[in-house]
PDB file of N, CA and C in Angstrom:
ATOM      1  N   MET A   1     -25.176  16.733  -7.730  1.00  0.00           N
ATOM      2  CA  MET A   1     -24.517  17.264  -6.558  1.00  0.00           C
ATOM      3  C   MET A   1     -24.236  18.748  -6.777  1.00  0.00           C
ATOM      4  N   ARG A   2     -24.453  19.542  -5.749  1.00  0.00           N
ATOM      5  CA  ARG A   2     -24.235  20.980  -5.858  1.00  0.00           C
ATOM      6  C   ARG A   2     -22.745  21.300  -5.816  1.00  0.00           C
ATOM      7  N   LYS A   3     -22.351  22.308  -6.530  1.00  0.00           N
ATOM      8  CA  LYS A   3     -20.947  22.714  -6.590  1.00  0.00           C
ATOM      9  C   LYS A   3     -20.644  23.752  -5.511  1.00  0.00           C
ATOM     10  N   ASP A   4     -19.384  23.778  -5.107  1.00  0.00           N
ATOM     11  CA  ASP A   4     -18.838  24.778  -4.176  1.00  0.00           C
ATOM     12  C   ASP A   4     -19.477  24.774  -2.791  1.00  0.00           C
ATOM     13  N   ILE A   5     -19.967  23.646  -2.331  1.00  0.00           N
ATOM     14  CA  ILE A   5     -20.490  23.581  -0.960  1.00  0.00           C
ATOM     15  C   ILE A   5     -19.658  22.657  -0.078  1.00  0.00           C
ATOM     16  N   HIS A   6     -18.782  21.885  -0.661  1.00  0.00           N
ATOM     17  CA  HIS A   6     -17.979  20.932   0.097  1.00  0.00           C
ATOM     18  C   HIS A   6     -16.603  21.526   0.409  1.00  0.00           C
ATOM     19  N   PRO A   7     -16.049  21.204   1.582  1.00  0.00           N
ATOM     20  CA  PRO A   7     -14.712  21.707   1.921  1.00  0.00           C
ATOM     21  C   PRO A   7     -13.649  21.028   1.061  1.00  0.00           C
ATOM     22  N   ASP A   8     -12.507  21.680   0.933  1.00  0.00           N
ATOM     23  CA  ASP A   8     -11.393  21.119   0.160  1.00  0.00           C
ATOM     24  C   ASP A   8     -10.800  19.938   0.915  1.00  0.00           C
ATOM     25  N   TYR A   9     -10.661  18.832   0.229  1.00  0.00           N
ATOM     26  CA  TYR A   9     -10.085  17.613   0.794  1.00  0.00           C
ATOM     27  C   TYR A   9      -8.691  17.464   0.214  1.00  0.00           C
ATOM     28  N   SER A  10      -7.670  17.431   1.085  1.00  0.00           N
ATOM     29  CA  SER A  10      -6.303  17.340   0.601  1.00  0.00           C
ATOM     30  C   SER A  10      -5.465  16.479   1.541  1.00  0.00           C
ATOM     31  N   ASP A  11      -4.260  16.159   1.100  1.00  0.00           N
ATOM     32  CA  ASP A  11      -3.329  15.413   1.949  1.00  0.00           C
ATOM     33  C   ASP A  11      -2.813  16.331   3.046  1.00  0.00           C
ATOM     34  N   THR A  12      -2.754  15.806   4.258  1.00  0.00           N
ATOM     35  CA  THR A  12      -2.280  16.594   5.397  1.00  0.00           C
ATOM     36  C   THR A  12      -1.440  15.721   6.317  1.00  0.00           C
ATOM     37  N   THR A  13      -0.787  16.353   7.255  1.00  0.00           N
ATOM     38  CA  THR A  13       0.080  15.660   8.192  1.00  0.00           C
ATOM     39  C   THR A  13      -0.482  15.803   9.605  1.00  0.00           C
ATOM     40  N   ILE A  14      -0.591  14.675  10.306  1.00  0.00           N
ATOM     41  CA  ILE A  14      -0.969  14.683  11.715  1.00  0.00           C
ATOM     42  C   ILE A  14       0.323  14.572  12.506  1.00  0.00           C
ATOM     43  N   LYS A  15       0.563  15.545  13.399  1.00  0.00           N
ATOM     44  CA  LYS A  15       1.782  15.563  14.205  1.00  0.00           C
ATOM     45  C   LYS A  15       1.422  15.321  15.661  1.00  0.00           C
ATOM     46  N   CYS A  16       2.093  14.336  16.249  1.00  0.00           N
ATOM     47  CA  CYS A  16       1.873  13.982  17.651  1.00  0.00           C
ATOM     48  C   CYS A  16       2.907  14.696  18.521  1.00  0.00           C
ATOM     49  N   ALA A  17       2.614  14.826  19.814  1.00  0.00           N
ATOM     50  CA  ALA A  17       3.542  15.443  20.757  1.00  0.00           C
ATOM     51  C   ALA A  17       4.813  14.614  20.922  1.00  0.00           C
ATOM     52  N   CYS A  18       4.749  13.314  20.632  1.00  0.00           N
ATOM     53  CA  CYS A  18       5.927  12.451  20.748  1.00  0.00           C
ATOM     54  C   CYS A  18       6.862  12.584  19.552  1.00  0.00           C
ATOM     55  N   GLY A  19       6.415  13.287  18.494  1.00  0.00           N
ATOM     56  CA  GLY A  19       7.248  13.489  17.315  1.00  0.00           C
ATOM     57  C   GLY A  19       6.835  12.643  16.124  1.00  0.00           C
ATOM     58  N   SER A  20       5.894  11.759  16.305  1.00  0.00           N
ATOM     59  CA  SER A  20       5.423  10.905  15.228  1.00  0.00           C
ATOM     60  C   SER A  20       4.577  11.709  14.242  1.00  0.00           C
ATOM     61  N   GLU A  21       4.716  11.412  12.948  1.00  0.00           N
ATOM     62  CA  GLU A  21       3.932  12.080  11.918  1.00  0.00           C
ATOM     63  C   GLU A  21       3.215  11.044  11.070  1.00  0.00           C
ATOM     64  N   ILE A  22       1.946  11.312  10.746  1.00  0.00           N
ATOM     65  CA  ILE A  22       1.120  10.409   9.960  1.00  0.00           C
ATOM     66  C   ILE A  22       0.544  11.194   8.794  1.00  0.00           C
ATOM     67  N   GLN A  23       0.657  10.656   7.586  1.00  0.00           N
ATOM     68  CA  GLN A  23       0.104  11.293   6.395  1.00  0.00           C
ATOM     69  C   GLN A  23      -1.296  10.745   6.148  1.00  0.00           C
ATOM     70  N   VAL A  24      -2.290  11.633   6.083  1.00  0.00           N
ATOM     71  CA  VAL A  24      -3.676  11.246   5.848  1.00  0.00           C
ATOM     72  C   VAL A  24      -4.344  12.283   4.954  1.00  0.00           C
ATOM     73  N   GLY A  25      -5.554  11.990   4.546  1.00  0.00           N
ATOM     74  CA  GLY A  25      -6.355  12.956   3.828  1.00  0.00           C
ATOM     75  C   GLY A  25      -7.376  13.561   4.774  1.00  0.00           C
ATOM     76  N   ALA A  26      -7.519  14.890   4.740  1.00  0.00           N
ATOM     77  CA  ALA A  26      -8.451  15.565   5.639  1.00  0.00           C
ATOM     78  C   ALA A  26      -8.832  16.925   5.077  1.00  0.00           C
ATOM     79  N   THR A  27      -9.778  17.565   5.733  1.00  0.00           N
ATOM     80  CA  THR A  27     -10.201  18.895   5.304  1.00  0.00           C
ATOM     81  C   THR A  27      -9.416  19.997   6.007  1.00  0.00           C
ATOM     82  N   LYS A  28      -8.708  19.674   7.088  1.00  0.00           N
ATOM     83  CA  LYS A  28      -7.869  20.652   7.788  1.00  0.00           C
ATOM     84  C   LYS A  28      -6.436  20.539   7.268  1.00  0.00           C
ATOM     85  N   PRO A  29      -5.709  21.655   7.208  1.00  0.00           N
ATOM     86  CA  PRO A  29      -4.346  21.604   6.654  1.00  0.00           C
ATOM     87  C   PRO A  29      -3.338  20.918   7.572  1.00  0.00           C
ATOM     88  N   ASP A  30      -3.290  21.252   8.840  1.00  0.00           N
ATOM     89  CA  ASP A  30      -2.355  20.636   9.777  1.00  0.00           C
ATOM     90  C   ASP A  30      -3.109  20.268  11.041  1.00  0.00           C
ATOM     91  N   ILE A  31      -2.849  19.056  11.537  1.00  0.00           N
ATOM     92  CA  ILE A  31      -3.532  18.575  12.733  1.00  0.00           C
ATOM     93  C   ILE A  31      -2.470  18.209  13.757  1.00  0.00           C
ATOM     94  N   LYS A  32      -2.618  18.710  14.982  1.00  0.00           N
ATOM     95  CA  LYS A  32      -1.696  18.394  16.070  1.00  0.00           C
ATOM     96  C   LYS A  32      -2.463  17.657  17.155  1.00  0.00           C
ATOM     97  N   ILE A  33      -1.907  16.534  17.615  1.00  0.00           N
ATOM     98  CA  ILE A  33      -2.545  15.725  18.648  1.00  0.00           C
ATOM     99  C   ILE A  33      -1.579  15.518  19.800  1.00  0.00           C
ATOM    100  N   GLU A  34      -2.100  15.134  20.959  1.00  0.00           N
ATOM    101  CA  GLU A  34      -1.274  14.940  22.140  1.00  0.00           C
ATOM    102  C   GLU A  34      -0.780  13.508  22.280  1.00  0.00           C
ATOM    103  N   ILE A  35      -1.555  12.549  21.803  1.00  0.00           N
ATOM    104  CA  ILE A  35      -1.183  11.145  21.971  1.00  0.00           C
ATOM    105  C   ILE A  35      -1.622  10.367  20.736  1.00  0.00           C
ATOM    106  N   CYS A  36      -0.810   9.400  20.335  1.00  0.00           N
ATOM    107  CA  CYS A  36      -1.109   8.602  19.140  1.00  0.00           C
ATOM    108  C   CYS A  36      -0.831   7.128  19.443  1.00  0.00           C
ATOM    109  N   SER A  37      -0.959   6.289  18.446  1.00  0.00           N
ATOM    110  CA  SER A  37      -0.734   4.859  18.651  1.00  0.00           C
ATOM    111  C   SER A  37       0.741   4.531  18.873  1.00  0.00           C
ATOM    112  N   GLN A  38       1.633   5.440  18.552  1.00  0.00           N
ATOM    113  CA  GLN A  38       3.054   5.203  18.770  1.00  0.00           C
ATOM    114  C   GLN A  38       3.454   5.425  20.236  1.00  0.00           C
ATOM    115  N   CYS A  39       2.693   6.243  20.967  1.00  0.00           N
ATOM    116  CA  CYS A  39       3.074   6.565  22.343  1.00  0.00           C
ATOM    117  C   CYS A  39       1.989   6.227  23.374  1.00  0.00           C
ATOM    118  N   HIS A  40       0.821   5.762  22.955  1.00  0.00           N
ATOM    119  CA  HIS A  40      -0.252   5.426  23.896  1.00  0.00           C
ATOM    120  C   HIS A  40       0.079   4.123  24.617  1.00  0.00           C
ATOM    121  N   PRO A  41      -0.099   4.073  25.953  1.00  0.00           N
ATOM    122  CA  PRO A  41       0.247   2.863  26.715  1.00  0.00           C
ATOM    123  C   PRO A  41      -0.485   1.606  26.260  1.00  0.00           C
ATOM    124  N   PHE A  42      -1.694   1.719  25.754  1.00  0.00           N
ATOM    125  CA  PHE A  42      -2.425   0.542  25.298  1.00  0.00           C
ATOM    126  C   PHE A  42      -1.711  -0.124  24.130  1.00  0.00           C
ATOM    127  N   PHE A  43      -1.193   0.667  23.202  1.00  0.00           N
ATOM    128  CA  PHE A  43      -0.535   0.117  22.020  1.00  0.00           C
ATOM    129  C   PHE A  43       0.927  -0.245  22.280  1.00  0.00           C
ATOM    130  N   THR A  44       1.597   0.481  23.168  1.00  0.00           N
ATOM    131  CA  THR A  44       3.015   0.212  23.419  1.00  0.00           C
ATOM    132  C   THR A  44       3.228  -0.890  24.439  1.00  0.00           C
ATOM    133  N   GLY A  45       2.229  -1.148  25.289  1.00  0.00           N
ATOM    134  CA  GLY A  45       2.361  -2.184  26.314  1.00  0.00           C
ATOM    135  C   GLY A  45       3.038  -1.683  27.570  1.00  0.00           C
ATOM    136  N   LYS A  46       3.401  -0.422  27.619  1.00  0.00           N
ATOM    137  CA  LYS A  46       4.034   0.149  28.808  1.00  0.00           C
ATOM    138  C   LYS A  46       2.962   0.829  29.639  1.00  0.00           C
ATOM    139  N   GLN A  47       2.734   0.316  30.829  1.00  0.00           N
ATOM    140  CA  GLN A  47       1.717   0.867  31.713  1.00  0.00           C
ATOM    141  C   GLN A  47       2.365   1.799  32.723  1.00  0.00           C
ATOM    142  N   LYS A  48       1.681   2.861  33.068  1.00  0.00           N
ATOM    143  CA  LYS A  48       2.144   3.751  34.121  1.00  0.00           C
ATOM    144  C   LYS A  48       1.580   3.223  35.433  1.00  0.00           C
ATOM    145  N   LEU A  49       2.455   2.931  36.378  1.00  0.00           N
ATOM    146  CA  LEU A  49       2.017   2.408  37.663  1.00  0.00           C
ATOM    147  C   LEU A  49       1.623   3.566  38.566  1.00  0.00           C
ATOM    148  N   VAL A  50       0.501   3.412  39.232  1.00  0.00           N
ATOM    149  CA  VAL A  50       0.005   4.425  40.137  1.00  0.00           C
ATOM    150  C   VAL A  50       0.348   4.003  41.557  1.00  0.00           C
ATOM    151  N   ASP A  51       0.850   4.928  42.339  1.00  0.00           N
ATOM    152  CA  ASP A  51       1.236   4.652  43.720  1.00  0.00           C
ATOM    153  C   ASP A  51      -0.013   4.643  44.592  1.00  0.00           C
ATOM    154  N   THR A  52      -0.736   3.526  44.584  1.00  0.00           N
ATOM    155  CA  THR A  52      -1.988   3.460  45.335  1.00  0.00           C
ATOM    156  C   THR A  52      -1.737   3.401  46.835  1.00  0.00           C
ATOM    157  N   ALA A  53      -0.652   2.784  47.258  1.00  0.00           N
ATOM    158  CA  ALA A  53      -0.378   2.700  48.699  1.00  0.00           C
ATOM    159  C   ALA A  53      -0.143   4.089  49.261  1.00  0.00           C
ATOM    160  N   GLY A  54       0.584   4.921  48.575  1.00  0.00           N
ATOM    161  CA  GLY A  54       0.821   6.284  49.035  1.00  0.00           C
ATOM    162  C   GLY A  54      -0.445   7.102  49.053  1.00  0.00           C
ATOM    163  N   ARG A  55      -1.316   6.890  48.098  1.00  0.00           N
ATOM    164  CA  ARG A  55      -2.582   7.616  48.049  1.00  0.00           C
ATOM    165  C   ARG A  55      -3.471   7.236  49.227  1.00  0.00           C
ATOM    166  N   ILE A  56      -3.515   5.955  49.550  1.00  0.00           N
ATOM    167  CA  ILE A  56      -4.346   5.483  50.652  1.00  0.00           C
ATOM    168  C   ILE A  56      -3.841   6.048  51.979  1.00  0.00           C
ATOM    169  N   GLU A  57      -2.532   6.055  52.166  1.00  0.00           N
ATOM    170  CA  GLU A  57      -1.958   6.585  53.404  1.00  0.00           C
ATOM    171  C   GLU A  57      -2.236   8.081  53.547  1.00  0.00           C
ATOM    172  N   ARG A  58      -2.135   8.826  52.452  1.00  0.00           N
ATOM    173  CA  ARG A  58      -2.434  10.261  52.512  1.00  0.00           C
ATOM    174  C   ARG A  58      -3.903  10.488  52.845  1.00  0.00           C
ATOM    175  N   PHE A  59      -4.787   9.667  52.278  1.00  0.00           N
ATOM    176  CA  PHE A  59      -6.214   9.783  52.572  1.00  0.00           C
ATOM    177  C   PHE A  59      -6.484   9.507  54.043  1.00  0.00           C
ATOM    178  N   ARG A  60      -5.910   8.461  54.575  1.00  0.00           N
ATOM    179  CA  ARG A  60      -6.128   8.113  55.982  1.00  0.00           C
ATOM    180  C   ARG A  60      -5.582   9.181  56.913  1.00  0.00           C
ATOM    181  N   LYS A  61      -4.427   9.730  56.577  1.00  0.00           N
ATOM    182  CA  LYS A  61      -3.839  10.781  57.397  1.00  0.00           C
ATOM    183  C   LYS A  61      -4.703  12.041  57.363  1.00  0.00           C
ATOM    184  N   LYS A  62      -5.236  12.355  56.187  1.00  0.00           N
ATOM    185  CA  LYS A  62      -6.047  13.554  56.016  1.00  0.00           C
ATOM    186  C   LYS A  62      -7.355  13.461  56.799  1.00  0.00           C
ATOM    187  N   TYR A  63      -7.988  12.291  56.811  1.00  0.00           N
ATOM    188  CA  TYR A  63      -9.284  12.130  57.446  1.00  0.00           C
ATOM    189  C   TYR A  63      -9.216  11.375  58.770  1.00  0.00           C
ATOM    190  N   ALA A  64      -8.042  11.292  59.373  1.00  0.00           N
ATOM    191  CA  ALA A  64      -7.884  10.589  60.640  1.00  0.00           C
ATOM    192  C   ALA A  64      -8.660  11.287  61.755  1.00  0.00           C
ATOM    193  N   LYS A  65      -8.685  12.610  61.752  1.00  0.00           N
ATOM    194  CA  LYS A  65      -9.385  13.330  62.821  1.00  0.00           C
ATOM    195  C   LYS A  65     -10.891  13.069  62.787  1.00  0.00           C
ATOM    196  N   TYR A  66     -11.461  12.839  61.625  1.00  0.00           N
ATOM    197  CA  TYR A  66     -12.887  12.531  61.512  1.00  0.00           C
ATOM    198  C   TYR A  66     -13.177  11.124  62.024  1.00  0.00           C
ATOM    199  N   GLN A  67     -12.258  10.195  61.783  1.00  0.00           N
ATOM    200  CA  GLN A  67     -12.439   8.826  62.266  1.00  0.00           C
ATOM    201  C   GLN A  67     -12.329   8.784  63.789  1.00  0.00           C
ATOM    202  N   ASP A  68     -11.440   9.615  64.358  1.00  0.00           N
ATOM    203  CA  ASP A  68     -11.284   9.642  65.809  1.00  0.00           C
ATOM    204  C   ASP A  68     -12.562  10.166  66.472  1.00  0.00           C
ATOM    205  N   LYS A  69     -13.230  11.155  65.873  1.00  0.00           N
ATOM    206  CA  LYS A  69     -14.456  11.701  66.435  1.00  0.00           C
ATOM    207  C   LYS A  69     -15.564  10.666  66.424  1.00  0.00           C
ATOM    208  N   GLU A  70     -15.655   9.874  65.370  1.00  0.00           N
ATOM    209  CA  GLU A  70     -16.689   8.845  65.272  1.00  0.00           C
ATOM    210  C   GLU A  70     -16.460   7.740  66.306  1.00  0.00           C
ATOM    211  N   LYS A  71     -15.228   7.375  66.542  1.00  0.00           N
ATOM    212  CA  LYS A  71     -14.914   6.322  67.504  1.00  0.00           C
ATOM    213  C   LYS A  71     -15.234   6.764  68.933  1.00  0.00           C
ATOM    214  N   SER A  72     -14.973   8.026  69.254  1.00  0.00           N
ATOM    215  CA  SER A  72     -15.208   8.523  70.615  1.00  0.00           C
ATOM    216  C   SER A  72     -16.694   8.763  70.888  1.00  0.00           C
ATOM    217  N   ALA A  73     -17.487   8.922  69.867  1.00  0.00           N
ATOM    218  CA  ALA A  73     -18.925   9.203  70.058  1.00  0.00           C
ATOM    219  C   ALA A  73     -19.726   7.990  70.365  1.00  0.00           C
TER     220      ALA A  73
END
């Protein structure tokens, strides 16, 4: 194996936006992430509900004038 061609591998800390820290080995000194297994909805079981009824009503209101033109034609 050739010498001095591989990056330095050392212990580092991964920091999440939620405040969670994970100790791992990596070639980068500090790693910052936005979401991890401590705060991701899949792992926590907490789902964010989307207001689909409000979205549908806004869509219908926005495109109501186009539907009226098609009906009159």
